[in-house]
N, C-alpha and C. Protein backbone atom coordinates (compact mmCIF):
# COMPACT_ATOMS: atom_id res chain seq x y z
N LEU A 1 0.96 -1.15 -0.14
CA LEU A 1 0.07 -0.16 -0.35
C LEU A 1 0.82 1.15 0.17
N ARG A 2 1.99 1.34 0.49
CA ARG A 2 3.04 2.20 0.79
C ARG A 2 3.46 2.78 -0.86
N ASP A 3 3.76 1.60 -1.76
CA ASP A 3 4.15 1.99 -2.87
C ASP A 3 3.16 2.51 -4.06
N ILE A 4 1.64 2.55 -3.65
CA ILE A 4 0.77 3.13 -4.67
C ILE A 4 1.09 4.38 -4.91
N PHE A 5 1.59 5.28 -3.91
CA PHE A 5 1.71 6.58 -4.56
C PHE A 5 3.08 6.91 -4.76
N GLN A 6 3.88 5.81 -4.93
CA GLN A 6 5.26 6.02 -5.59
C GLN A 6 5.06 6.15 -7.19
N ILE A 7 4.02 5.49 -7.72
CA ILE A 7 3.98 5.49 -9.13
C ILE A 7 3.03 6.61 -9.38
N PRO A 8 3.63 7.60 -10.20
CA PRO A 8 3.15 8.72 -10.38
C PRO A 8 1.56 8.84 -11.11
N GLU A 9 1.42 8.01 -12.01
CA GLU A 9 0.51 7.35 -12.92
C GLU A 9 -0.81 6.93 -11.95
N LEU A 10 -0.45 6.10 -10.92
CA LEU A 10 -1.69 5.72 -10.06
C LEU A 10 -1.92 6.53 -9.23
N LYS A 11 -0.90 7.39 -8.68
CA LYS A 11 -1.15 8.49 -7.95
C LYS A 11 -2.28 9.49 -8.49
N ARG A 12 -2.04 9.56 -9.69
CA ARG A 12 -2.77 10.74 -10.12
C ARG A 12 -4.49 10.16 -10.62
N ARG A 13 -4.41 8.94 -10.93
CA ARG A 13 -5.74 8.32 -10.99
C ARG A 13 -6.54 8.24 -9.66
N ILE A 14 -5.65 7.74 -8.61
CA ILE A 14 -6.32 7.85 -7.63
C ILE A 14 -6.88 9.22 -6.95
N LEU A 15 -6.15 9.73 -7.12
CA LEU A 15 -6.74 11.38 -6.63
C LEU A 15 -7.65 12.01 -7.37
N PHE A 16 -7.53 11.72 -8.86
CA PHE A 16 -8.62 12.43 -9.73
C PHE A 16 -9.94 11.71 -9.35
N THR A 17 -9.87 10.15 -9.05
CA THR A 17 -11.21 9.60 -8.39
C THR A 17 -11.50 10.08 -7.23
N LEU A 18 -10.83 10.57 -6.24
CA LEU A 18 -10.93 10.83 -4.91
C LEU A 18 -11.82 12.42 -5.12
N ALA A 19 -11.10 13.26 -6.21
CA ALA A 19 -11.70 14.58 -6.26
C ALA A 19 -12.98 14.57 -6.79
N LEU A 20 -13.48 13.18 -7.89
CA LEU A 20 -14.90 13.09 -8.28
C LEU A 20 -15.82 12.85 -7.27
N PHE A 21 -15.12 11.87 -6.35
CA PHE A 21 -16.08 11.35 -5.47
C PHE A 21 -16.35 12.60 -4.48
N VAL A 22 -15.47 13.62 -4.32
CA VAL A 22 -16.05 14.79 -3.43
C VAL A 22 -17.23 15.39 -4.26
N VAL A 23 -16.58 15.75 -5.53
CA VAL A 23 -17.77 16.39 -6.09
C VAL A 23 -19.25 15.64 -6.05
N TYR A 24 -19.17 14.27 -6.51
CA TYR A 24 -20.42 13.56 -6.06
C TYR A 24 -21.04 13.69 -4.67
N ARG A 25 -20.54 13.45 -3.64
CA ARG A 25 -20.87 13.80 -2.44
C ARG A 25 -21.35 15.23 -2.08
N LEU A 26 -20.64 16.20 -2.57
CA LEU A 26 -21.18 17.49 -2.55
C LEU A 26 -22.48 17.54 -3.24
N GLY A 27 -22.85 16.85 -4.55
CA GLY A 27 -23.97 17.11 -5.14
C GLY A 27 -25.24 16.37 -4.41
N GLU A 28 -24.95 15.26 -3.45
CA GLU A 28 -25.91 14.62 -2.87
C GLU A 28 -26.58 15.55 -1.68
N HIS A 29 -26.06 16.66 -1.71
CA HIS A 29 -26.43 17.67 -0.60
C HIS A 29 -27.14 18.95 -1.08
N VAL A 30 -27.45 19.18 -2.55
CA VAL A 30 -27.92 19.85 -3.16
C VAL A 30 -29.25 19.56 -3.14
N PRO A 31 -30.29 20.31 -2.54
CA PRO A 31 -31.77 20.07 -2.60
C PRO A 31 -32.20 20.24 -3.93
N THR A 32 -33.28 19.76 -4.21
CA THR A 32 -34.39 19.93 -5.56
C THR A 32 -35.05 21.29 -4.78
N PRO A 33 -35.33 22.28 -5.93
CA PRO A 33 -35.86 23.28 -5.67
C PRO A 33 -37.36 23.20 -5.38
N GLY A 34 -38.01 23.90 -4.52
CA GLY A 34 -39.38 23.61 -4.13
C GLY A 34 -39.95 22.72 -2.99
N VAL A 35 -38.73 21.93 -2.43
CA VAL A 35 -39.36 20.82 -1.29
C VAL A 35 -39.00 21.42 0.09
N ASN A 36 -40.14 21.17 1.04
CA ASN A 36 -39.83 21.63 2.39
C ASN A 36 -39.20 20.25 2.85
N ALA A 37 -37.93 20.67 3.23
CA ALA A 37 -36.94 19.40 3.80
C ALA A 37 -37.19 19.07 5.07
N ALA A 38 -37.73 19.90 6.21
CA ALA A 38 -38.14 19.30 7.55
C ALA A 38 -39.34 18.35 7.24
N ALA A 39 -40.48 18.89 6.38
CA ALA A 39 -41.71 17.84 5.87
C ALA A 39 -41.34 16.61 5.34
N LEU A 40 -40.26 16.82 4.34
CA LEU A 40 -39.78 15.76 3.73
C LEU A 40 -39.11 14.51 4.54
N ALA A 41 -38.19 15.10 5.61
CA ALA A 41 -37.72 13.87 6.57
C ALA A 41 -38.87 13.50 7.33
N GLY A 42 -39.90 13.93 7.65
CA GLY A 42 -40.81 13.34 8.73
C GLY A 42 -41.82 12.67 7.81
N ALA A 43 -42.27 12.73 6.70
CA ALA A 43 -42.73 11.86 6.01
C ALA A 43 -42.26 10.91 5.12
N PHE A 44 -40.76 10.76 5.05
CA PHE A 44 -40.29 9.73 4.54
C PHE A 44 -39.91 8.56 5.41
N GLU A 45 -40.23 8.64 6.62
CA GLU A 45 -39.90 7.80 7.61
C GLU A 45 -41.01 6.64 7.60
N SER A 46 -41.99 6.74 7.03
CA SER A 46 -42.89 5.43 6.67
C SER A 46 -42.37 4.85 5.64
N GLN A 47 -41.80 5.60 4.93
CA GLN A 47 -41.39 4.88 3.59
C GLN A 47 -40.01 4.05 3.70
N ARG A 48 -39.21 4.07 4.70
CA ARG A 48 -37.92 3.66 4.92
C ARG A 48 -37.80 2.06 4.69
N LYS A 49 -38.78 1.14 5.17
CA LYS A 49 -38.52 -0.17 5.42
C LYS A 49 -38.94 -0.46 3.87
N GLY A 50 -39.67 -0.07 2.94
CA GLY A 50 -39.98 -0.67 1.47
C GLY A 50 -39.15 -0.40 0.66
N MET A 51 -39.52 -0.49 -0.58
CA MET A 51 -38.94 -0.40 -2.00
C MET A 51 -38.02 1.04 -2.03
N PHE A 52 -38.59 2.09 -1.29
CA PHE A 52 -38.00 3.32 -1.81
C PHE A 52 -36.89 3.37 -0.56
N GLY A 53 -36.86 2.64 0.52
CA GLY A 53 -35.67 2.78 1.48
C GLY A 53 -34.75 2.14 0.64
N LEU A 54 -34.92 0.80 0.00
CA LEU A 54 -33.66 0.06 -0.84
C LEU A 54 -33.23 1.06 -2.03
N TYR A 55 -34.29 1.67 -2.46
CA TYR A 55 -33.50 2.52 -3.79
C TYR A 55 -33.03 3.53 -3.11
N ASP A 56 -33.18 4.26 -1.90
CA ASP A 56 -32.68 5.40 -1.12
C ASP A 56 -31.00 4.74 -0.96
N LEU A 57 -30.80 3.36 -0.45
CA LEU A 57 -29.69 2.75 -0.23
C LEU A 57 -28.74 3.16 -1.34
N PHE A 58 -29.38 2.54 -2.53
CA PHE A 58 -28.17 2.66 -3.80
C PHE A 58 -28.10 4.23 -4.13
N VAL A 59 -28.64 5.13 -3.82
CA VAL A 59 -28.46 6.50 -4.37
C VAL A 59 -27.78 7.15 -2.87
N GLY A 60 -27.33 6.31 -1.83
CA GLY A 60 -26.66 7.32 -0.83
C GLY A 60 -27.40 8.45 0.00
N GLY A 61 -28.82 7.64 0.24
CA GLY A 61 -29.67 8.81 0.81
C GLY A 61 -30.10 10.09 0.12
N ALA A 62 -29.86 10.35 -1.19
CA ALA A 62 -30.38 11.31 -1.89
C ALA A 62 -31.87 11.40 -2.23
N PHE A 63 -32.38 10.01 -2.36
CA PHE A 63 -33.69 10.08 -2.60
C PHE A 63 -34.56 10.57 -1.47
N SER A 64 -34.40 10.02 -0.25
CA SER A 64 -35.08 10.56 1.00
C SER A 64 -34.84 12.02 1.25
N ARG A 65 -33.87 12.41 0.79
CA ARG A 65 -33.36 14.11 1.16
C ARG A 65 -33.86 14.94 -0.14
N ALA A 66 -34.36 14.30 -1.13
CA ALA A 66 -34.54 14.88 -2.53
C ALA A 66 -33.67 15.68 -3.01
N THR A 67 -32.76 15.47 -3.13
CA THR A 67 -31.65 16.27 -3.93
C THR A 67 -31.29 16.18 -5.27
N ILE A 68 -30.50 16.81 -5.86
CA ILE A 68 -30.45 16.67 -7.49
C ILE A 68 -29.83 15.65 -7.96
N PHE A 69 -29.51 14.65 -6.90
CA PHE A 69 -28.87 13.40 -7.51
C PHE A 69 -29.90 12.20 -6.86
N ALA A 70 -31.12 12.73 -6.63
CA ALA A 70 -31.90 11.56 -6.28
C ALA A 70 -32.39 10.44 -6.97
N LEU A 71 -32.06 10.50 -8.28
CA LEU A 71 -32.27 9.11 -8.90
C LEU A 71 -31.09 8.58 -9.28
N GLY A 72 -30.03 9.02 -8.83
CA GLY A 72 -28.68 8.54 -9.00
C GLY A 72 -28.43 8.06 -10.32
N ILE A 73 -27.77 7.08 -10.38
CA ILE A 73 -27.26 6.17 -11.62
C ILE A 73 -28.00 4.90 -12.01
N MET A 74 -29.35 4.95 -11.25
CA MET A 74 -30.10 3.93 -11.34
C MET A 74 -30.94 4.12 -12.96
N PRO A 75 -31.04 5.21 -13.49
CA PRO A 75 -31.48 5.28 -14.79
C PRO A 75 -30.55 4.73 -15.72
N TYR A 76 -29.43 5.01 -15.54
CA TYR A 76 -28.21 4.48 -16.43
C TYR A 76 -28.13 2.57 -16.47
N ILE A 77 -28.18 2.38 -15.25
CA ILE A 77 -28.23 0.77 -15.10
C ILE A 77 -29.62 0.38 -15.89
N SER A 78 -30.29 0.71 -15.45
CA SER A 78 -31.74 0.16 -16.17
C SER A 78 -31.69 0.32 -17.61
N SER A 79 -31.11 1.39 -18.13
CA SER A 79 -30.90 1.76 -19.62
C SER A 79 -29.91 0.44 -20.32
N SER A 80 -28.81 0.42 -19.40
CA SER A 80 -27.85 -0.89 -19.82
C SER A 80 -28.57 -2.07 -19.88
N ILE A 81 -29.38 -2.16 -18.81
CA ILE A 81 -29.94 -3.62 -18.55
C ILE A 81 -30.90 -4.04 -19.66
N ILE A 82 -31.84 -2.92 -20.12
CA ILE A 82 -32.67 -2.88 -21.18
C ILE A 82 -32.30 -3.28 -22.67
N LEU A 83 -31.01 -2.60 -22.77
CA LEU A 83 -30.31 -2.75 -24.04
C LEU A 83 -29.48 -4.12 -24.04
N GLN A 84 -29.18 -4.67 -22.96
CA GLN A 84 -28.62 -6.21 -22.76
C GLN A 84 -29.84 -7.04 -23.57
N LEU A 85 -31.02 -6.87 -22.64
CA LEU A 85 -31.88 -7.77 -23.19
C LEU A 85 -32.57 -7.68 -24.35
N LEU A 86 -32.43 -6.59 -24.83
CA LEU A 86 -32.92 -6.22 -26.52
C LEU A 86 -31.73 -6.87 -27.27
N GLY A 87 -30.42 -6.72 -27.04
CA GLY A 87 -29.68 -7.38 -27.77
C GLY A 87 -29.96 -9.08 -27.93
N ALA A 88 -30.60 -9.83 -27.21
CA ALA A 88 -30.96 -11.05 -27.15
C ALA A 88 -32.15 -11.33 -28.15
N VAL A 89 -32.79 -10.17 -28.21
CA VAL A 89 -34.13 -10.07 -29.20
C VAL A 89 -34.31 -9.46 -30.35
N VAL A 90 -33.58 -8.22 -30.44
CA VAL A 90 -33.79 -7.54 -31.75
C VAL A 90 -32.53 -7.80 -32.22
N PRO A 91 -32.44 -8.07 -33.68
CA PRO A 91 -31.12 -8.20 -34.36
C PRO A 91 -30.21 -6.95 -34.67
N TYR A 92 -30.87 -5.66 -34.60
CA TYR A 92 -30.06 -4.47 -34.79
C TYR A 92 -29.01 -4.50 -33.65
N PHE A 93 -29.65 -4.83 -32.43
CA PHE A 93 -28.68 -4.54 -31.29
C PHE A 93 -27.54 -5.96 -31.07
N GLU A 94 -28.18 -6.93 -31.80
CA GLU A 94 -27.22 -8.03 -31.54
C GLU A 94 -26.01 -7.86 -32.55
N LYS A 95 -26.48 -7.07 -33.75
CA LYS A 95 -25.60 -6.97 -34.77
C LYS A 95 -24.28 -5.70 -34.18
N LEU A 96 -24.82 -4.69 -33.58
CA LEU A 96 -24.02 -3.75 -32.98
C LEU A 96 -23.11 -4.59 -31.82
N ARG A 97 -23.77 -5.33 -31.07
CA ARG A 97 -22.64 -5.97 -30.16
C ARG A 97 -21.30 -6.69 -31.02
N LYS A 98 -21.68 -7.47 -32.13
CA LYS A 98 -20.78 -8.04 -32.77
C LYS A 98 -19.93 -7.13 -33.72
N GLU A 99 -20.13 -5.79 -33.71
CA GLU A 99 -19.47 -5.08 -34.54
C GLU A 99 -18.11 -4.52 -34.03
N GLY A 100 -17.91 -4.99 -32.69
CA GLY A 100 -16.41 -4.58 -32.12
C GLY A 100 -16.62 -2.93 -31.68
N GLU A 101 -15.52 -2.39 -31.70
CA GLU A 101 -15.56 -0.97 -31.03
C GLU A 101 -16.45 0.02 -31.64
N GLU A 102 -16.87 -0.16 -32.89
CA GLU A 102 -17.66 0.94 -33.54
C GLU A 102 -19.16 0.61 -33.03
N GLY A 103 -19.49 -0.74 -33.04
CA GLY A 103 -21.06 -0.95 -32.35
C GLY A 103 -21.03 -0.77 -30.86
N GLN A 104 -19.90 -1.00 -30.22
CA GLN A 104 -19.80 -0.74 -28.99
C GLN A 104 -20.10 1.00 -28.30
N LYS A 105 -19.26 1.45 -29.51
CA LYS A 105 -19.33 3.21 -29.30
C LYS A 105 -20.94 3.67 -29.38
N ARG A 106 -21.48 2.98 -30.54
CA ARG A 106 -23.00 3.01 -30.83
C ARG A 106 -24.17 2.55 -29.65
N LEU A 107 -23.78 1.55 -28.99
CA LEU A 107 -24.65 1.18 -27.77
C LEU A 107 -24.39 1.94 -27.05
N THR A 108 -23.02 2.38 -26.38
CA THR A 108 -22.79 3.47 -25.45
C THR A 108 -23.92 4.71 -25.78
N GLN A 109 -23.81 5.18 -26.96
CA GLN A 109 -24.63 6.42 -27.00
C GLN A 109 -26.14 6.17 -27.03
N ILE A 110 -26.49 5.12 -27.61
CA ILE A 110 -27.93 4.73 -27.25
C ILE A 110 -28.37 4.31 -25.80
N THR A 111 -27.10 4.00 -24.98
CA THR A 111 -27.76 3.73 -23.56
C THR A 111 -27.69 5.25 -23.06
N ARG A 112 -27.13 6.08 -23.41
CA ARG A 112 -27.10 7.40 -22.89
C ARG A 112 -28.57 8.06 -23.39
N TYR A 113 -28.65 7.86 -24.28
CA TYR A 113 -30.07 8.57 -24.85
C TYR A 113 -31.20 7.77 -24.02
N GLY A 114 -31.10 6.51 -23.82
CA GLY A 114 -32.24 5.86 -23.08
C GLY A 114 -32.06 6.15 -21.60
N THR A 115 -30.87 6.56 -20.84
CA THR A 115 -30.59 7.39 -19.66
C THR A 115 -31.71 8.37 -19.59
N VAL A 116 -31.46 9.12 -20.25
CA VAL A 116 -32.27 10.30 -20.46
C VAL A 116 -33.72 10.24 -20.48
N LEU A 117 -34.05 9.34 -21.31
CA LEU A 117 -35.71 8.99 -21.34
C LEU A 117 -36.12 8.55 -20.08
N ILE A 118 -35.41 7.64 -19.67
CA ILE A 118 -35.89 6.65 -18.38
C ILE A 118 -35.89 7.87 -16.96
N SER A 119 -34.76 8.91 -17.34
CA SER A 119 -34.77 9.73 -15.84
C SER A 119 -35.73 10.97 -16.12
N ILE A 120 -36.21 11.04 -17.70
CA ILE A 120 -37.36 12.06 -17.49
C ILE A 120 -38.82 11.55 -17.09
N ILE A 121 -38.73 9.84 -17.25
CA ILE A 121 -40.44 9.43 -16.69
C ILE A 121 -39.97 9.21 -15.20
N GLN A 122 -38.88 8.78 -14.76
CA GLN A 122 -38.64 8.75 -13.23
C GLN A 122 -38.87 10.04 -12.46
N SER A 123 -38.10 11.38 -13.15
CA SER A 123 -38.36 12.28 -12.38
C SER A 123 -39.79 13.06 -12.29
N LEU A 124 -40.62 12.38 -13.42
CA LEU A 124 -41.96 12.79 -13.48
C LEU A 124 -42.64 12.18 -12.28
N ALA A 125 -42.45 10.93 -12.35
CA ALA A 125 -43.22 10.10 -11.10
C ALA A 125 -42.45 10.66 -9.62
N TYR A 126 -41.58 11.14 -9.84
CA TYR A 126 -40.80 11.24 -8.39
C TYR A 126 -41.37 12.68 -8.03
N SER A 127 -41.62 13.52 -8.85
CA SER A 127 -42.36 14.75 -8.53
C SER A 127 -43.75 14.53 -7.97
N VAL A 128 -44.53 13.84 -8.72
CA VAL A 128 -45.98 13.29 -7.97
C VAL A 128 -45.64 12.62 -6.89
N PHE A 129 -44.65 11.79 -6.83
CA PHE A 129 -44.59 11.08 -5.46
C PHE A 129 -44.31 12.15 -4.32
N LEU A 130 -43.39 13.17 -4.92
CA LEU A 130 -42.91 14.36 -3.79
C LEU A 130 -44.33 14.91 -3.24
N VAL A 131 -45.26 15.44 -4.43
CA VAL A 131 -46.36 16.12 -3.89
C VAL A 131 -47.20 15.30 -3.05
N ASN A 132 -47.48 14.21 -3.20
CA ASN A 132 -48.24 13.20 -2.56
C ASN A 132 -47.94 12.95 -1.28
N LEU A 133 -46.13 12.89 -1.02
CA LEU A 133 -45.97 12.28 0.15
C LEU A 133 -46.11 12.99 1.44
N GLY A 134 -46.53 12.56 2.56
CA GLY A 134 -46.88 13.09 3.56
C GLY A 134 -48.55 13.69 3.72
N ALA A 135 -49.28 13.61 2.84
CA ALA A 135 -50.56 13.93 2.67
C ALA A 135 -51.12 13.28 3.60
N SER A 136 -50.98 11.86 3.90
CA SER A 136 -51.88 11.03 4.98
C SER A 136 -51.46 11.45 6.24
N GLN A 137 -50.38 12.16 6.58
CA GLN A 137 -49.73 12.50 7.73
C GLN A 137 -50.07 14.11 7.94
N GLY A 138 -50.58 14.87 7.20
CA GLY A 138 -50.94 16.16 7.15
C GLY A 138 -49.60 17.02 6.82
N LEU A 139 -48.52 16.65 6.31
CA LEU A 139 -47.49 17.42 6.10
C LEU A 139 -47.37 17.70 4.35
N THR A 140 -47.10 18.83 4.27
CA THR A 140 -46.78 19.48 2.99
C THR A 140 -45.44 19.57 2.74
N VAL A 141 -44.92 18.35 1.84
CA VAL A 141 -43.55 18.43 1.38
C VAL A 141 -43.33 19.45 0.47
N VAL A 142 -44.38 19.55 -0.39
CA VAL A 142 -44.08 20.77 -1.93
C VAL A 142 -45.12 21.59 -1.40
N PRO A 143 -44.74 22.81 -0.87
CA PRO A 143 -45.75 23.75 -0.75
C PRO A 143 -46.75 24.57 -1.78
N GLN A 144 -45.76 24.53 -3.10
CA GLN A 144 -46.46 25.12 -4.21
C GLN A 144 -46.06 23.80 -5.29
N PRO A 145 -47.09 22.95 -5.32
CA PRO A 145 -47.12 21.81 -6.46
C PRO A 145 -47.92 22.63 -7.56
N GLY A 146 -47.65 22.30 -8.58
CA GLY A 146 -48.02 22.32 -9.71
C GLY A 146 -46.94 22.47 -11.14
N PHE A 147 -47.23 22.77 -12.17
CA PHE A 147 -46.77 22.68 -13.38
C PHE A 147 -45.20 23.15 -13.14
N MET A 148 -44.62 24.16 -12.69
CA MET A 148 -43.66 24.57 -12.31
C MET A 148 -42.70 23.86 -11.57
N PHE A 149 -43.40 23.24 -10.57
CA PHE A 149 -42.49 22.14 -9.48
C PHE A 149 -42.13 21.21 -10.21
N THR A 150 -43.45 20.38 -11.03
CA THR A 150 -42.94 19.44 -11.93
C THR A 150 -41.87 19.57 -13.10
N PHE A 151 -41.80 20.56 -13.69
CA PHE A 151 -41.19 21.03 -14.74
C PHE A 151 -39.61 20.97 -14.16
N SER A 152 -39.53 21.71 -13.20
CA SER A 152 -38.15 22.11 -12.48
C SER A 152 -37.59 20.59 -12.04
N THR A 153 -38.67 19.82 -11.35
CA THR A 153 -37.98 18.78 -10.76
C THR A 153 -37.68 17.71 -11.76
N ILE A 154 -38.29 17.67 -13.10
CA ILE A 154 -37.91 16.97 -14.14
C ILE A 154 -36.41 17.34 -14.81
N VAL A 155 -36.16 18.81 -14.94
CA VAL A 155 -35.10 19.25 -15.50
C VAL A 155 -34.17 18.99 -14.41
N THR A 156 -34.42 19.07 -13.23
CA THR A 156 -33.20 19.10 -12.00
C THR A 156 -32.52 17.62 -12.02
N GLN A 157 -33.78 16.39 -11.75
CA GLN A 157 -33.36 15.29 -11.34
C GLN A 157 -32.40 14.95 -13.10
N THR A 158 -33.06 14.96 -14.22
CA THR A 158 -32.49 14.53 -15.38
C THR A 158 -31.22 15.10 -15.47
N THR A 159 -31.03 16.40 -15.33
CA THR A 159 -29.62 16.89 -15.34
C THR A 159 -28.74 16.45 -14.38
N GLY A 160 -29.26 15.95 -13.14
CA GLY A 160 -28.36 15.43 -12.16
C GLY A 160 -28.13 14.03 -12.48
N THR A 161 -28.95 13.04 -13.16
CA THR A 161 -28.67 11.84 -13.78
C THR A 161 -27.83 11.85 -14.87
N ILE A 162 -27.76 12.91 -15.52
CA ILE A 162 -26.85 12.84 -16.56
C ILE A 162 -25.58 13.17 -16.08
N PHE A 163 -25.29 14.25 -15.06
CA PHE A 163 -23.97 14.52 -14.48
C PHE A 163 -23.36 13.27 -13.78
N VAL A 164 -24.07 12.60 -13.14
CA VAL A 164 -23.58 11.56 -12.33
C VAL A 164 -23.00 10.52 -13.50
N MET A 165 -23.94 10.29 -14.34
CA MET A 165 -23.19 9.41 -15.49
C MET A 165 -22.03 9.72 -16.04
N TRP A 166 -21.84 11.30 -16.24
CA TRP A 166 -20.46 11.70 -16.92
C TRP A 166 -19.56 11.59 -15.90
N LEU A 167 -19.98 11.91 -14.39
CA LEU A 167 -18.72 11.35 -13.38
C LEU A 167 -18.35 9.98 -13.68
N GLY A 168 -19.13 9.30 -13.77
CA GLY A 168 -18.71 7.87 -13.93
C GLY A 168 -18.24 7.48 -15.00
N GLU A 169 -18.62 8.14 -16.21
CA GLU A 169 -17.77 7.78 -17.10
C GLU A 169 -15.93 8.42 -17.18
N LYS A 170 -15.88 9.57 -16.59
CA LYS A 170 -14.91 10.18 -16.25
C LYS A 170 -13.96 9.45 -15.25
N ILE A 171 -14.50 8.84 -14.52
CA ILE A 171 -13.77 7.80 -13.51
C ILE A 171 -13.25 6.69 -14.18
N THR A 172 -14.11 6.13 -15.00
CA THR A 172 -13.62 4.62 -15.73
C THR A 172 -12.52 5.19 -16.91
N GLU A 173 -12.51 6.44 -17.48
CA GLU A 173 -11.81 6.89 -18.44
C GLU A 173 -10.42 7.26 -17.71
N HIS A 174 -10.49 8.15 -16.62
CA HIS A 174 -9.11 8.80 -16.01
C HIS A 174 -8.73 8.29 -14.60
N GLY A 175 -9.87 7.58 -13.84
CA GLY A 175 -9.56 7.18 -12.76
C GLY A 175 -8.97 5.55 -12.58
N ILE A 176 -9.77 5.18 -11.36
CA ILE A 176 -9.25 3.73 -11.15
C ILE A 176 -10.88 2.73 -11.11
N GLY A 177 -10.67 1.98 -11.87
CA GLY A 177 -11.89 0.71 -12.01
C GLY A 177 -13.17 1.18 -12.85
N ASN A 178 -14.28 0.87 -12.95
CA ASN A 178 -15.51 1.21 -13.10
C ASN A 178 -16.00 2.14 -12.52
N GLY A 179 -16.28 3.29 -13.19
CA GLY A 179 -16.72 4.51 -12.72
C GLY A 179 -18.32 4.68 -12.01
N ILE A 180 -19.00 3.86 -12.56
CA ILE A 180 -20.20 3.72 -12.37
C ILE A 180 -20.60 2.71 -11.12
N SER A 181 -19.63 1.62 -11.20
CA SER A 181 -19.80 0.86 -9.93
C SER A 181 -19.19 1.34 -8.70
N LEU A 182 -18.31 1.92 -8.95
CA LEU A 182 -17.42 2.96 -7.70
C LEU A 182 -18.28 3.78 -7.07
N ILE A 183 -19.43 4.54 -8.00
CA ILE A 183 -20.63 5.09 -7.60
C ILE A 183 -21.49 4.76 -6.59
N ILE A 184 -21.94 3.35 -7.10
CA ILE A 184 -22.84 2.70 -6.30
C ILE A 184 -22.12 2.21 -5.01
N PHE A 185 -21.00 1.73 -5.03
CA PHE A 185 -20.44 1.43 -3.98
C PHE A 185 -20.05 2.60 -2.73
N LEU A 186 -19.87 3.70 -3.34
CA LEU A 186 -19.84 5.08 -2.78
C LEU A 186 -20.94 5.45 -1.94
N ASN A 187 -22.23 5.29 -2.79
CA ASN A 187 -23.39 5.42 -2.04
C ASN A 187 -23.77 4.48 -0.85
N ILE A 188 -23.47 3.25 -1.20
CA ILE A 188 -23.77 1.93 -0.27
C ILE A 188 -23.01 2.45 1.25
N ILE A 189 -21.67 2.75 0.87
CA ILE A 189 -20.65 3.14 2.09
C ILE A 189 -20.95 4.34 2.81
N GLY A 190 -21.47 5.29 1.97
CA GLY A 190 -21.80 6.63 2.65
C GLY A 190 -23.03 6.64 3.56
N ARG A 191 -24.13 5.24 3.22
CA ARG A 191 -25.03 5.26 4.06
C ARG A 191 -24.78 4.49 5.44
N ALA A 192 -23.40 3.73 5.42
CA ALA A 192 -22.96 2.80 6.24
C ALA A 192 -23.20 3.54 7.67
N PRO A 193 -22.73 4.65 7.84
CA PRO A 193 -22.73 5.49 9.18
C PRO A 193 -24.25 5.37 9.93
N ASN A 194 -24.93 5.91 9.08
CA ASN A 194 -26.69 6.19 9.51
C ASN A 194 -26.84 4.81 9.78
N ALA A 195 -26.61 3.43 9.07
CA ALA A 195 -27.28 2.14 9.17
C ALA A 195 -26.72 1.41 10.59
N VAL A 196 -25.43 2.18 10.97
CA VAL A 196 -25.11 1.27 12.08
C VAL A 196 -25.59 2.36 13.30
């Protein structure tokens, strides 16, 4: 371990990865506009045990805090899985997989477009979820619901997901390991102190 920082290239890659981790962790604390954080914390307590709690684990608590990275990297993973499944059924995608590097570049581009589409759909659902969250408990999580809140949530969450995807790709390209996997790992580790 002492020798890791003796190799300049490895040292640069590790420091680059750590710097992007810091950027990501800072982004996990930037709130989505129009959300009452105190009401959100109280309303989300009843949701922690279910599916939303599990999703929140994979995005490092950003979902329950309604930050700009609330969707995290999950739309990218969903898009990748969908394309892999389509590769077994749709001849066009199967052909792209066999074309080597050019086909892989095209598949990566399609995965990115799919990520944006899935992010838009999920962020729309997330805005509806936030508006309705806490209604049964008499809490107002979104003080001014309406078109502007929904639109700003879609733009914020989709942009956040695109930025996280970009961070993951930059970590893969200039850092150490697979950036997407490292971001998921960082999210799970980030929740460890709260879980303990």
